[in-house]
C-alpha cells in the first residue's frame, strides 16, 4: 500500500473572496461557535480544499475540517405566481483548538 501525498491547491486572492460570500449568523451557527465552528455562505461551485485555503489565508487561522451543504431553494409565491428561490451552498468550518474567527468584525 502506498500513501498518497495531499495535493496542494493554489487559489488566487480574488477567487478566495468569490468563494467565501458571507458569514452565516443564526441561532444554530452561534451554538456551533462554542465548538470552534464557523459557518459561511459560499459559492455554489466552491470545493472543500478551496474553502479551507480561503479561510486559512483570509482569517489567519488553522482549519481542522470543512463540511458543506447545498441548501435547496424554497418554493414561494411571487405576486400570486409560484416561483423557486435559488439553491445556495453553506460551509461549516471546524477550527483547530485555540483558533477562532470573530465574524462580527470586517476583514
PDB file of N, CA and C in Angstrom:
ATOM      1  N   UNK A   1       0.838  -1.179   0.000  1.00  0.00           N
ATOM      2  CA  UNK A   1       0.000   0.000   0.000  1.00  0.00           C
ATOM      3  C   UNK A   1       0.882   1.241   0.000  1.00  0.00           C
ATOM      4  N   UNK A   2       0.552   2.163  -0.871  1.00  0.00           N
ATOM      5  CA  UNK A   2       1.286   3.415  -0.914  1.00  0.00           C
ATOM      6  C   UNK A   2       0.380   4.553  -0.452  1.00  0.00           C
ATOM      7  N   UNK A   3       0.947   5.423   0.347  1.00  0.00           N
ATOM      8  CA  UNK A   3       0.179   6.563   0.842  1.00  0.00           C
ATOM      9  C   UNK A   3       0.251   7.685  -0.184  1.00  0.00           C
ATOM     10  N   UNK A   4      -0.898   8.280  -0.451  1.00  0.00           N
ATOM     11  CA  UNK A   4      -0.932   9.372  -1.412  1.00  0.00           C
ATOM     12  C   UNK A   4      -0.634  10.680  -0.705  1.00  0.00           C
ATOM     13  N   UNK A   5       0.221  11.480  -1.282  1.00  0.00           N
ATOM     14  CA  UNK A   5       0.530  12.787  -0.717  1.00  0.00           C
ATOM     15  C   UNK A   5      -0.620  13.735  -1.010  1.00  0.00           C
ATOM     16  N   UNK A   6      -0.982  14.598  -0.047  1.00  0.00           N
ATOM     17  CA  UNK A   6      -2.074  15.537  -0.301  1.00  0.00           C
ATOM     18  C   UNK A   6      -1.692  16.536  -1.388  1.00  0.00           C
ATOM     19  N   UNK A   7      -2.648  16.849  -2.243  1.00  0.00           N
ATOM     20  CA  UNK A   7      -2.409  17.785  -3.337  1.00  0.00           C
ATOM     21  C   UNK A   7      -2.665  19.196  -2.820  1.00  0.00           C
ATOM     22  N   UNK A   8      -1.709  20.089  -3.032  1.00  0.00           N
ATOM     23  CA  UNK A   8      -1.837  21.469  -2.579  1.00  0.00           C
ATOM     24  C   UNK A   8      -2.554  22.278  -3.653  1.00  0.00           C
ATOM     25  N   UNK A   9      -3.704  22.828  -3.311  1.00  0.00           N
ATOM     26  CA  UNK A   9      -4.491  23.653  -4.221  1.00  0.00           C
ATOM     27  C   UNK A   9      -4.021  25.103  -4.074  1.00  0.00           C
ATOM     28  N   UNK A  10      -3.761  25.767  -5.191  1.00  0.00           N
ATOM     29  CA  UNK A  10      -3.377  27.172  -5.164  1.00  0.00           C
ATOM     30  C   UNK A  10      -4.563  27.987  -5.655  1.00  0.00           C
ATOM     31  N   UNK A  11      -5.058  28.866  -4.772  1.00  0.00           N
ATOM     32  CA  UNK A  11      -6.220  29.683  -5.073  1.00  0.00           C
ATOM     33  C   UNK A  11      -5.801  31.151  -5.053  1.00  0.00           C
ATOM     34  N   UNK A  12      -6.200  31.903  -6.087  1.00  0.00           N
ATOM     35  CA  UNK A  12      -5.845  33.324  -6.138  1.00  0.00           C
ATOM     36  C   UNK A  12      -6.628  34.102  -5.083  1.00  0.00           C
ATOM     37  N   UNK A  13      -6.115  35.283  -4.730  1.00  0.00           N
ATOM     38  CA  UNK A  13      -6.745  36.112  -3.706  1.00  0.00           C
ATOM     39  C   UNK A  13      -8.167  36.523  -4.127  1.00  0.00           C
ATOM     40  N   UNK A  14      -8.343  36.852  -5.410  1.00  0.00           N
ATOM     41  CA  UNK A  14      -9.673  37.254  -5.872  1.00  0.00           C
ATOM     42  C   UNK A  14     -10.651  36.076  -5.810  1.00  0.00           C
ATOM     43  N   UNK A  15     -10.174  34.872  -6.114  1.00  0.00           N
ATOM     44  CA  UNK A  15     -11.032  33.684  -6.035  1.00  0.00           C
ATOM     45  C   UNK A  15     -11.447  33.410  -4.583  1.00  0.00           C
ATOM     46  N   UNK A  16     -10.533  33.695  -3.631  1.00  0.00           N
ATOM     47  CA  UNK A  16     -10.859  33.487  -2.218  1.00  0.00           C
ATOM     48  C   UNK A  16     -12.056  34.339  -1.811  1.00  0.00           C
ATOM     49  N   UNK A  17     -12.084  35.592  -2.303  1.00  0.00           N
ATOM     50  CA  UNK A  17     -13.203  36.473  -1.971  1.00  0.00           C
ATOM     51  C   UNK A  17     -14.475  36.057  -2.696  1.00  0.00           C
ATOM     52  N   UNK A  18     -14.361  35.376  -3.837  1.00  0.00           N
ATOM     53  CA  UNK A  18     -15.533  34.848  -4.529  1.00  0.00           C
ATOM     54  C   UNK A  18     -16.075  33.608  -3.817  1.00  0.00           C
ATOM     55  N   UNK A  19     -15.164  32.778  -3.299  1.00  0.00           N
ATOM     56  CA  UNK A  19     -15.552  31.526  -2.637  1.00  0.00           C
ATOM     57  C   UNK A  19     -16.323  31.824  -1.351  1.00  0.00           C
ATOM     58  N   UNK A  20     -15.760  32.656  -0.482  1.00  0.00           N
ATOM     59  CA  UNK A  20     -16.401  32.988   0.787  1.00  0.00           C
ATOM     60  C   UNK A  20     -17.290  34.199   0.554  1.00  0.00           C
ATOM     61  N   UNK A  21     -18.595  34.003   0.550  1.00  0.00           N
ATOM     62  CA  UNK A  21     -19.529  35.092   0.268  1.00  0.00           C
ATOM     63  C   UNK A  21     -19.821  35.917   1.516  1.00  0.00           C
ATOM     64  N   UNK A  22     -20.243  35.253   2.612  1.00  0.00           N
ATOM     65  CA  UNK A  22     -20.623  35.974   3.834  1.00  0.00           C
ATOM     66  C   UNK A  22     -20.684  34.993   4.998  1.00  0.00           C
ATOM     67  N   UNK A  23     -20.489  35.484   6.221  1.00  0.00           N
ATOM     68  CA  UNK A  23     -20.714  34.606   7.374  1.00  0.00           C
ATOM     69  C   UNK A  23     -22.211  34.396   7.552  1.00  0.00           C
ATOM     70  N   UNK A  24     -22.579  33.245   8.039  1.00  0.00           N
ATOM     71  CA  UNK A  24     -23.982  32.930   8.278  1.00  0.00           C
ATOM     72  C   UNK A  24     -24.213  33.032   9.779  1.00  0.00           C
ATOM     73  N   UNK A  25     -25.044  33.986  10.199  1.00  0.00           N
ATOM     74  CA  UNK A  25     -25.262  34.215  11.625  1.00  0.00           C
ATOM     75  C   UNK A  25     -26.712  33.885  11.956  1.00  0.00           C
ATOM     76  N   UNK A  26     -26.906  32.720  12.561  1.00  0.00           N
ATOM     77  CA  UNK A  26     -28.216  32.276  13.026  1.00  0.00           C
ATOM     78  C   UNK A  26     -28.035  31.712  14.433  1.00  0.00           C
ATOM     79  N   UNK A  27     -29.134  31.347  15.055  1.00  0.00           N
ATOM     80  CA  UNK A  27     -29.047  30.761  16.394  1.00  0.00           C
ATOM     81  C   UNK A  27     -28.261  29.448  16.365  1.00  0.00           C
ATOM     82  N   UNK A  28     -28.481  28.654  15.339  1.00  0.00           N
ATOM     83  CA  UNK A  28     -27.802  27.365  15.228  1.00  0.00           C
ATOM     84  C   UNK A  28     -26.299  27.535  14.999  1.00  0.00           C
ATOM     85  N   UNK A  29     -25.907  28.482  14.134  1.00  0.00           N
ATOM     86  CA  UNK A  29     -24.473  28.675  13.875  1.00  0.00           C
ATOM     87  C   UNK A  29     -23.781  29.314  15.070  1.00  0.00           C
ATOM     88  N   UNK A  30     -24.511  30.112  15.850  1.00  0.00           N
ATOM     89  CA  UNK A  30     -23.940  30.695  17.063  1.00  0.00           C
ATOM     90  C   UNK A  30     -23.639  29.591  18.075  1.00  0.00           C
ATOM     91  N   UNK A  31     -24.498  28.589  18.165  1.00  0.00           N
ATOM     92  CA  UNK A  31     -24.222  27.445  19.045  1.00  0.00           C
ATOM     93  C   UNK A  31     -23.003  26.674  18.555  1.00  0.00           C
ATOM     94  N   UNK A  32     -22.790  26.610  17.247  1.00  0.00           N
ATOM     95  CA  UNK A  32     -21.616  25.934  16.700  1.00  0.00           C
ATOM     96  C   UNK A  32     -20.325  26.641  17.046  1.00  0.00           C
ATOM     97  N   UNK A  33     -20.379  27.955  17.259  1.00  0.00           N
ATOM     98  CA  UNK A  33     -19.165  28.701  17.589  1.00  0.00           C
ATOM     99  C   UNK A  33     -18.603  28.297  18.950  1.00  0.00           C
ATOM    100  N   UNK A  34     -19.432  27.728  19.800  1.00  0.00           N
ATOM    101  CA  UNK A  34     -18.970  27.214  21.094  1.00  0.00           C
ATOM    102  C   UNK A  34     -18.078  25.983  20.907  1.00  0.00           C
ATOM    103  N   UNK A  35     -18.179  25.334  19.741  1.00  0.00           N
ATOM    104  CA  UNK A  35     -17.387  24.135  19.438  1.00  0.00           C
ATOM    105  C   UNK A  35     -16.339  24.422  18.370  1.00  0.00           C
ATOM    106  N   UNK A  36     -15.876  25.675  18.289  1.00  0.00           N
ATOM    107  CA  UNK A  36     -14.853  26.116  17.328  1.00  0.00           C
ATOM    108  C   UNK A  36     -15.296  25.902  15.885  1.00  0.00           C
ATOM    109  N   UNK A  37     -16.578  26.171  15.598  1.00  0.00           N
ATOM    110  CA  UNK A  37     -17.092  26.063  14.234  1.00  0.00           C
ATOM    111  C   UNK A  37     -17.604  27.417  13.775  1.00  0.00           C
ATOM    112  N   UNK A  38     -17.358  27.728  12.505  1.00  0.00           N
ATOM    113  CA  UNK A  38     -17.854  28.949  11.894  1.00  0.00           C
ATOM    114  C   UNK A  38     -18.558  28.548  10.604  1.00  0.00           C
ATOM    115  N   UNK A  39     -19.696  29.171  10.303  1.00  0.00           N
ATOM    116  CA  UNK A  39     -20.461  28.831   9.115  1.00  0.00           C
ATOM    117  C   UNK A  39     -20.450  29.996   8.144  1.00  0.00           C
ATOM    118  N   UNK A  40     -20.188  29.688   6.866  1.00  0.00           N
ATOM    119  CA  UNK A  40     -20.134  30.703   5.821  1.00  0.00           C
ATOM    120  C   UNK A  40     -21.077  30.335   4.685  1.00  0.00           C
ATOM    121  N   UNK A  41     -21.618  31.361   4.026  1.00  0.00           N
ATOM    122  CA  UNK A  41     -22.303  31.180   2.755  1.00  0.00           C
ATOM    123  C   UNK A  41     -21.191  31.201   1.714  1.00  0.00           C
ATOM    124  N   UNK A  42     -21.118  30.169   0.866  1.00  0.00           N
ATOM    125  CA  UNK A  42     -20.026  30.065  -0.100  1.00  0.00           C
ATOM    126  C   UNK A  42     -20.582  29.927  -1.512  1.00  0.00           C
ATOM    127  N   UNK A  43     -19.695  30.071  -2.476  1.00  0.00           N
ATOM    128  CA  UNK A  43     -20.051  29.927  -3.880  1.00  0.00           C
ATOM    129  C   UNK A  43     -20.511  28.491  -4.142  1.00  0.00           C
ATOM    130  N   UNK A  44     -21.477  28.332  -5.026  1.00  0.00           N
ATOM    131  CA  UNK A  44     -22.038  27.004  -5.305  1.00  0.00           C
ATOM    132  C   UNK A  44     -21.021  26.059  -5.932  1.00  0.00           C
ATOM    133  N   UNK A  45     -20.003  26.604  -6.630  1.00  0.00           N
ATOM    134  CA  UNK A  45     -19.006  25.739  -7.267  1.00  0.00           C
ATOM    135  C   UNK A  45     -17.730  25.605  -6.441  1.00  0.00           C
ATOM    136  N   UNK A  46     -17.732  26.081  -5.206  1.00  0.00           N
ATOM    137  CA  UNK A  46     -16.554  26.004  -4.340  1.00  0.00           C
ATOM    138  C   UNK A  46     -16.347  24.568  -3.858  1.00  0.00           C
ATOM    139  N   UNK A  47     -15.076  24.150  -3.797  1.00  0.00           N
ATOM    140  CA  UNK A  47     -14.727  22.823  -3.290  1.00  0.00           C
ATOM    141  C   UNK A  47     -14.214  22.949  -1.861  1.00  0.00           C
ATOM    142  N   UNK A  48     -14.178  21.843  -1.146  1.00  0.00           N
ATOM    143  CA  UNK A  48     -13.703  21.856   0.238  1.00  0.00           C
ATOM    144  C   UNK A  48     -12.255  22.345   0.356  1.00  0.00           C
ATOM    145  N   UNK A  49     -11.323  21.880  -0.515  1.00  0.00           N
ATOM    146  CA  UNK A  49      -9.950  22.403  -0.411  1.00  0.00           C
ATOM    147  C   UNK A  49      -9.869  23.914  -0.673  1.00  0.00           C
ATOM    148  N   UNK A  50     -10.675  24.420  -1.609  1.00  0.00           N
ATOM    149  CA  UNK A  50     -10.701  25.863  -1.873  1.00  0.00           C
ATOM    150  C   UNK A  50     -11.206  26.627  -0.656  1.00  0.00           C
ATOM    151  N   UNK A  51     -12.260  26.128  -0.036  1.00  0.00           N
ATOM    152  CA  UNK A  51     -12.837  26.781   1.136  1.00  0.00           C
ATOM    153  C   UNK A  51     -11.822  26.781   2.271  1.00  0.00           C
ATOM    154  N   UNK A  52     -11.153  25.654   2.485  1.00  0.00           N
ATOM    155  CA  UNK A  52     -10.151  25.545   3.548  1.00  0.00           C
ATOM    156  C   UNK A  52      -9.032  26.553   3.350  1.00  0.00           C
ATOM    157  N   UNK A  53      -8.487  26.619   2.133  1.00  0.00           N
ATOM    158  CA  UNK A  53      -7.386  27.540   1.872  1.00  0.00           C
ATOM    159  C   UNK A  53      -7.834  28.994   1.987  1.00  0.00           C
ATOM    160  N   UNK A  54      -9.042  29.300   1.523  1.00  0.00           N
ATOM    161  CA  UNK A  54      -9.551  30.670   1.597  1.00  0.00           C
ATOM    162  C   UNK A  54      -9.715  31.116   3.050  1.00  0.00           C
ATOM    163  N   UNK A  55     -10.280  30.264   3.898  1.00  0.00           N
ATOM    164  CA  UNK A  55     -10.474  30.615   5.309  1.00  0.00           C
ATOM    165  C   UNK A  55      -9.126  30.772   6.009  1.00  0.00           C
ATOM    166  N   UNK A  56      -8.197  29.849   5.748  1.00  0.00           N
ATOM    167  CA  UNK A  56      -6.884  29.932   6.387  1.00  0.00           C
ATOM    168  C   UNK A  56      -6.138  31.193   5.970  1.00  0.00           C
ATOM    169  N   UNK A  57      -6.216  31.574   4.701  1.00  0.00           N
ATOM    170  CA  UNK A  57      -5.498  32.748   4.225  1.00  0.00           C
ATOM    171  C   UNK A  57      -6.150  34.052   4.655  1.00  0.00           C
ATOM    172  N   UNK A  58      -7.465  34.139   4.541  1.00  0.00           N
ATOM    173  CA  UNK A  58      -8.156  35.394   4.837  1.00  0.00           C
ATOM    174  C   UNK A  58      -8.221  35.703   6.331  1.00  0.00           C
ATOM    175  N   UNK A  59      -8.389  34.666   7.162  1.00  0.00           N
ATOM    176  CA  UNK A  59      -8.582  34.890   8.591  1.00  0.00           C
ATOM    177  C   UNK A  59      -7.374  34.497   9.437  1.00  0.00           C
ATOM    178  N   UNK A  60      -6.306  33.984   8.829  1.00  0.00           N
ATOM    179  CA  UNK A  60      -5.069  33.605   9.533  1.00  0.00           C
ATOM    180  C   UNK A  60      -5.339  32.627  10.681  1.00  0.00           C
ATOM    181  N   UNK A  61      -6.084  31.553  10.359  1.00  0.00           N
ATOM    182  CA  UNK A  61      -6.393  30.507  11.328  1.00  0.00           C
ATOM    183  C   UNK A  61      -6.042  29.149  10.720  1.00  0.00           C
ATOM    184  N   UNK A  62      -6.086  28.103  11.532  1.00  0.00           N
ATOM    185  CA  UNK A  62      -5.826  26.742  11.072  1.00  0.00           C
ATOM    186  C   UNK A  62      -7.154  25.987  11.060  1.00  0.00           C
ATOM    187  N   UNK A  63      -7.492  25.399   9.908  1.00  0.00           N
ATOM    188  CA  UNK A  63      -8.760  24.691   9.731  1.00  0.00           C
ATOM    189  C   UNK A  63      -8.556  23.198   9.943  1.00  0.00           C
ATOM    190  N   UNK A  64      -9.434  22.598  10.767  1.00  0.00           N
ATOM    191  CA  UNK A  64      -9.383  21.161  11.011  1.00  0.00           C
ATOM    192  C   UNK A  64     -10.191  20.400   9.966  1.00  0.00           C
ATOM    193  N   UNK A  65     -11.421  20.878   9.662  1.00  0.00           N
ATOM    194  CA  UNK A  65     -12.289  20.181   8.721  1.00  0.00           C
ATOM    195  C   UNK A  65     -13.284  21.152   8.103  1.00  0.00           C
ATOM    196  N   UNK A  66     -13.770  20.785   6.917  1.00  0.00           N
ATOM    197  CA  UNK A  66     -14.787  21.569   6.223  1.00  0.00           C
ATOM    198  C   UNK A  66     -15.915  20.628   5.824  1.00  0.00           C
ATOM    199  N   UNK A  67     -17.143  20.976   6.212  1.00  0.00           N
ATOM    200  CA  UNK A  67     -18.335  20.242   5.801  1.00  0.00           C
ATOM    201  C   UNK A  67     -19.192  21.185   4.977  1.00  0.00           C
ATOM    202  N   UNK A  68     -19.742  20.699   3.860  1.00  0.00           N
ATOM    203  CA  UNK A  68     -20.563  21.551   3.010  1.00  0.00           C
ATOM    204  C   UNK A  68     -21.965  20.975   2.872  1.00  0.00           C
ATOM    205  N   UNK A  69     -22.932  21.886   2.683  1.00  0.00           N
ATOM    206  CA  UNK A  69     -24.329  21.508   2.497  1.00  0.00           C
ATOM    207  C   UNK A  69     -24.889  22.379   1.384  1.00  0.00           C
ATOM    208  N   UNK A  70     -25.548  21.771   0.396  1.00  0.00           N
ATOM    209  CA  UNK A  70     -26.254  22.534  -0.617  1.00  0.00           C
ATOM    210  C   UNK A  70     -27.694  22.682  -0.145  1.00  0.00           C
ATOM    211  N   UNK A  71     -28.083  23.929   0.113  1.00  0.00           N
ATOM    212  CA  UNK A  71     -29.422  24.220   0.618  1.00  0.00           C
ATOM    213  C   UNK A  71     -30.329  24.446  -0.584  1.00  0.00           C
ATOM    214  N   UNK A  72     -31.379  23.662  -0.683  1.00  0.00           N
ATOM    215  CA  UNK A  72     -32.304  23.769  -1.809  1.00  0.00           C
ATOM    216  C   UNK A  72     -33.222  24.973  -1.614  1.00  0.00           C
ATOM    217  N   UNK A  73     -33.506  25.682  -2.710  1.00  0.00           N
ATOM    218  CA  UNK A  73     -34.355  26.869  -2.658  1.00  0.00           C
ATOM    219  C   UNK A  73     -35.801  26.518  -2.369  1.00  0.00           C
ATOM    220  N   UNK A  74     -36.451  27.382  -1.603  1.00  0.00           N
ATOM    221  CA  UNK A  74     -37.854  27.165  -1.246  1.00  0.00           C
ATOM    222  C   UNK A  74     -38.782  27.561  -2.397  1.00  0.00           C
ATOM    223  N   UNK A  75     -39.922  26.912  -2.461  1.00  0.00           N
ATOM    224  CA  UNK A  75     -40.967  27.312  -3.398  1.00  0.00           C
ATOM    225  C   UNK A  75     -41.799  28.386  -2.716  1.00  0.00           C
ATOM    226  N   UNK A  76     -41.932  29.526  -3.366  1.00  0.00           N
ATOM    227  CA  UNK A  76     -42.658  30.665  -2.803  1.00  0.00           C
ATOM    228  C   UNK A  76     -43.596  31.247  -3.848  1.00  0.00           C
ATOM    229  N   UNK A  77     -44.520  32.065  -3.407  1.00  0.00           N
ATOM    230  CA  UNK A  77     -45.392  32.794  -4.314  1.00  0.00           C
ATOM    231  C   UNK A  77     -44.837  34.199  -4.511  1.00  0.00           C
ATOM    232  N   UNK A  78     -44.679  34.614  -5.762  1.00  0.00           N
ATOM    233  CA  UNK A  78     -44.252  35.957  -6.100  1.00  0.00           C
ATOM    234  C   UNK A  78     -45.379  36.627  -6.860  1.00  0.00           C
ATOM    235  N   UNK A  79     -46.038  37.610  -6.231  1.00  0.00           N
ATOM    236  CA  UNK A  79     -47.180  38.309  -6.818  1.00  0.00           C
ATOM    237  C   UNK A  79     -48.255  37.316  -7.285  1.00  0.00           C
ATOM    238  N   UNK A  80     -48.500  36.300  -6.473  1.00  0.00           N
ATOM    239  CA  UNK A  80     -49.533  35.316  -6.770  1.00  0.00           C
ATOM    240  C   UNK A  80     -49.094  34.188  -7.683  1.00  0.00           C
ATOM    241  N   UNK A  81     -47.888  34.258  -8.212  1.00  0.00           N
ATOM    242  CA  UNK A  81     -47.395  33.214  -9.120  1.00  0.00           C
ATOM    243  C   UNK A  81     -46.322  32.382  -8.418  1.00  0.00           C
ATOM    244  N   UNK A  82     -46.340  31.070  -8.646  1.00  0.00           N
ATOM    245  CA  UNK A  82     -45.324  30.240  -7.984  1.00  0.00           C
ATOM    246  C   UNK A  82     -43.937  30.480  -8.563  1.00  0.00           C
ATOM    247  N   UNK A  83     -42.958  30.473  -7.693  1.00  0.00           N
ATOM    248  CA  UNK A  83     -41.569  30.630  -8.103  1.00  0.00           C
ATOM    249  C   UNK A  83     -40.681  29.862  -7.145  1.00  0.00           C
ATOM    250  N   UNK A  84     -39.405  29.739  -7.486  1.00  0.00           N
ATOM    251  CA  UNK A  84     -38.463  28.998  -6.658  1.00  0.00           C
ATOM    252  C   UNK A  84     -37.258  29.882  -6.371  1.00  0.00           C
ATOM    253  N   UNK A  85     -36.871  29.981  -5.097  1.00  0.00           N
ATOM    254  CA  UNK A  85     -35.653  30.691  -4.733  1.00  0.00           C
ATOM    255  C   UNK A  85     -34.445  29.881  -5.192  1.00  0.00           C
ATOM    256  N   UNK A  86     -33.320  30.544  -5.371  1.00  0.00           N
ATOM    257  CA  UNK A  86     -32.102  29.878  -5.839  1.00  0.00           C
ATOM    258  C   UNK A  86     -31.545  28.943  -4.772  1.00  0.00           C
ATOM    259  N   UNK A  87     -30.912  27.845  -5.230  1.00  0.00           N
ATOM    260  CA  UNK A  87     -30.159  26.976  -4.329  1.00  0.00           C
ATOM    261  C   UNK A  87     -28.895  27.720  -3.918  1.00  0.00           C
ATOM    262  N   UNK A  88     -28.363  27.417  -2.716  1.00  0.00           N
ATOM    263  CA  UNK A  88     -27.119  28.026  -2.275  1.00  0.00           C
ATOM    264  C   UNK A  88     -26.358  27.019  -1.429  1.00  0.00           C
ATOM    265  N   UNK A  89     -25.096  27.309  -1.193  1.00  0.00           N
ATOM    266  CA  UNK A  89     -24.226  26.363  -0.502  1.00  0.00           C
ATOM    267  C   UNK A  89     -23.681  27.006   0.761  1.00  0.00           C
ATOM    268  N   UNK A  90     -23.646  26.227   1.840  1.00  0.00           N
ATOM    269  CA  UNK A  90     -23.027  26.707   3.068  1.00  0.00           C
ATOM    270  C   UNK A  90     -21.921  25.758   3.481  1.00  0.00           C
ATOM    271  N   UNK A  91     -20.918  26.324   4.156  1.00  0.00           N
ATOM    272  CA  UNK A  91     -19.777  25.548   4.613  1.00  0.00           C
ATOM    273  C   UNK A  91     -19.636  25.716   6.115  1.00  0.00           C
ATOM    274  N   UNK A  92     -19.572  24.598   6.826  1.00  0.00           N
ATOM    275  CA  UNK A  92     -19.334  24.605   8.263  1.00  0.00           C
ATOM    276  C   UNK A  92     -17.859  24.277   8.445  1.00  0.00           C
ATOM    277  N   UNK A  93     -17.100  25.256   8.936  1.00  0.00           N
ATOM    278  CA  UNK A  93     -15.652  25.135   9.050  1.00  0.00           C
ATOM    279  C   UNK A  93     -15.292  24.890  10.511  1.00  0.00           C
ATOM    280  N   UNK A  94     -14.641  23.758  10.786  1.00  0.00           N
ATOM    281  CA  UNK A  94     -14.178  23.449  12.142  1.00  0.00           C
ATOM    282  C   UNK A  94     -12.734  23.913  12.270  1.00  0.00           C
ATOM    283  N   UNK A  95     -12.459  24.670  13.320  1.00  0.00           N
ATOM    284  CA  UNK A  95     -11.124  25.223  13.532  1.00  0.00           C
ATOM    285  C   UNK A  95     -10.357  24.395  14.553  1.00  0.00           C
ATOM    286  N   UNK A  96      -9.028  24.441  14.452  1.00  0.00           N
ATOM    287  CA  UNK A  96      -8.160  23.762  15.408  1.00  0.00           C
ATOM    288  C   UNK A  96      -8.307  24.457  16.760  1.00  0.00           C
ATOM    289  N   UNK A  97      -8.151  23.707  17.854  1.00  0.00           N
ATOM    290  CA  UNK A  97      -8.265  24.272  19.206  1.00  0.00           C
ATOM    291  C   UNK A  97      -7.360  25.489  19.356  1.00  0.00           C
ATOM    292  N   UNK A  98      -7.888  26.529  19.972  1.00  0.00           N
ATOM    293  CA  UNK A  98      -7.103  27.739  20.199  1.00  0.00           C
ATOM    294  C   UNK A  98      -7.286  28.800  19.127  1.00  0.00           C
ATOM    295  N   UNK A  99      -7.853  28.430  17.974  1.00  0.00           N
ATOM    296  CA  UNK A  99      -8.100  29.389  16.897  1.00  0.00           C
ATOM    297  C   UNK A  99      -9.564  29.793  16.926  1.00  0.00           C
ATOM    298  N   UNK A 100      -9.844  31.057  16.559  1.00  0.00           N
ATOM    299  CA  UNK A 100     -11.235  31.494  16.468  1.00  0.00           C
ATOM    300  C   UNK A 100     -11.344  32.635  15.474  1.00  0.00           C
ATOM    301  N   UNK A 101     -12.548  32.789  14.930  1.00  0.00           N
ATOM    302  CA  UNK A 101     -12.852  33.852  13.980  1.00  0.00           C
ATOM    303  C   UNK A 101     -13.987  34.670  14.571  1.00  0.00           C
ATOM    304  N   UNK A 102     -13.803  35.996  14.624  1.00  0.00           N
ATOM    305  CA  UNK A 102     -14.868  36.883  15.083  1.00  0.00           C
ATOM    306  C   UNK A 102     -15.596  37.386  13.856  1.00  0.00           C
ATOM    307  N   UNK A 103     -16.766  36.816  13.555  1.00  0.00           N
ATOM    308  CA  UNK A 103     -17.496  37.162  12.324  1.00  0.00           C
ATOM    309  C   UNK A 103     -18.239  38.494  12.446  1.00  0.00           C
ATOM    310  N   UNK A 104     -18.250  39.083  13.638  1.00  0.00           N
ATOM    311  CA  UNK A 104     -18.947  40.355  13.802  1.00  0.00           C
ATOM    312  C   UNK A 104     -18.125  41.544  13.334  1.00  0.00           C
ATOM    313  N   UNK A 105     -16.805  41.342  13.074  1.00  0.00           N
ATOM    314  CA  UNK A 105     -15.965  42.428  12.569  1.00  0.00           C
ATOM    315  C   UNK A 105     -15.632  42.180  11.117  1.00  0.00           C
ATOM    316  N   UNK A 106     -15.262  43.221  10.387  1.00  0.00           N
ATOM    317  CA  UNK A 106     -14.920  43.101   8.966  1.00  0.00           C
ATOM    318  C   UNK A 106     -13.498  42.629   8.775  1.00  0.00           C
ATOM    319  N   UNK A 107     -13.153  42.356   7.518  1.00  0.00           N
ATOM    320  CA  UNK A 107     -11.794  41.918   7.173  1.00  0.00           C
ATOM    321  C   UNK A 107     -10.846  43.080   7.173  1.00  0.00           C
TER     322      UNK A 107
END
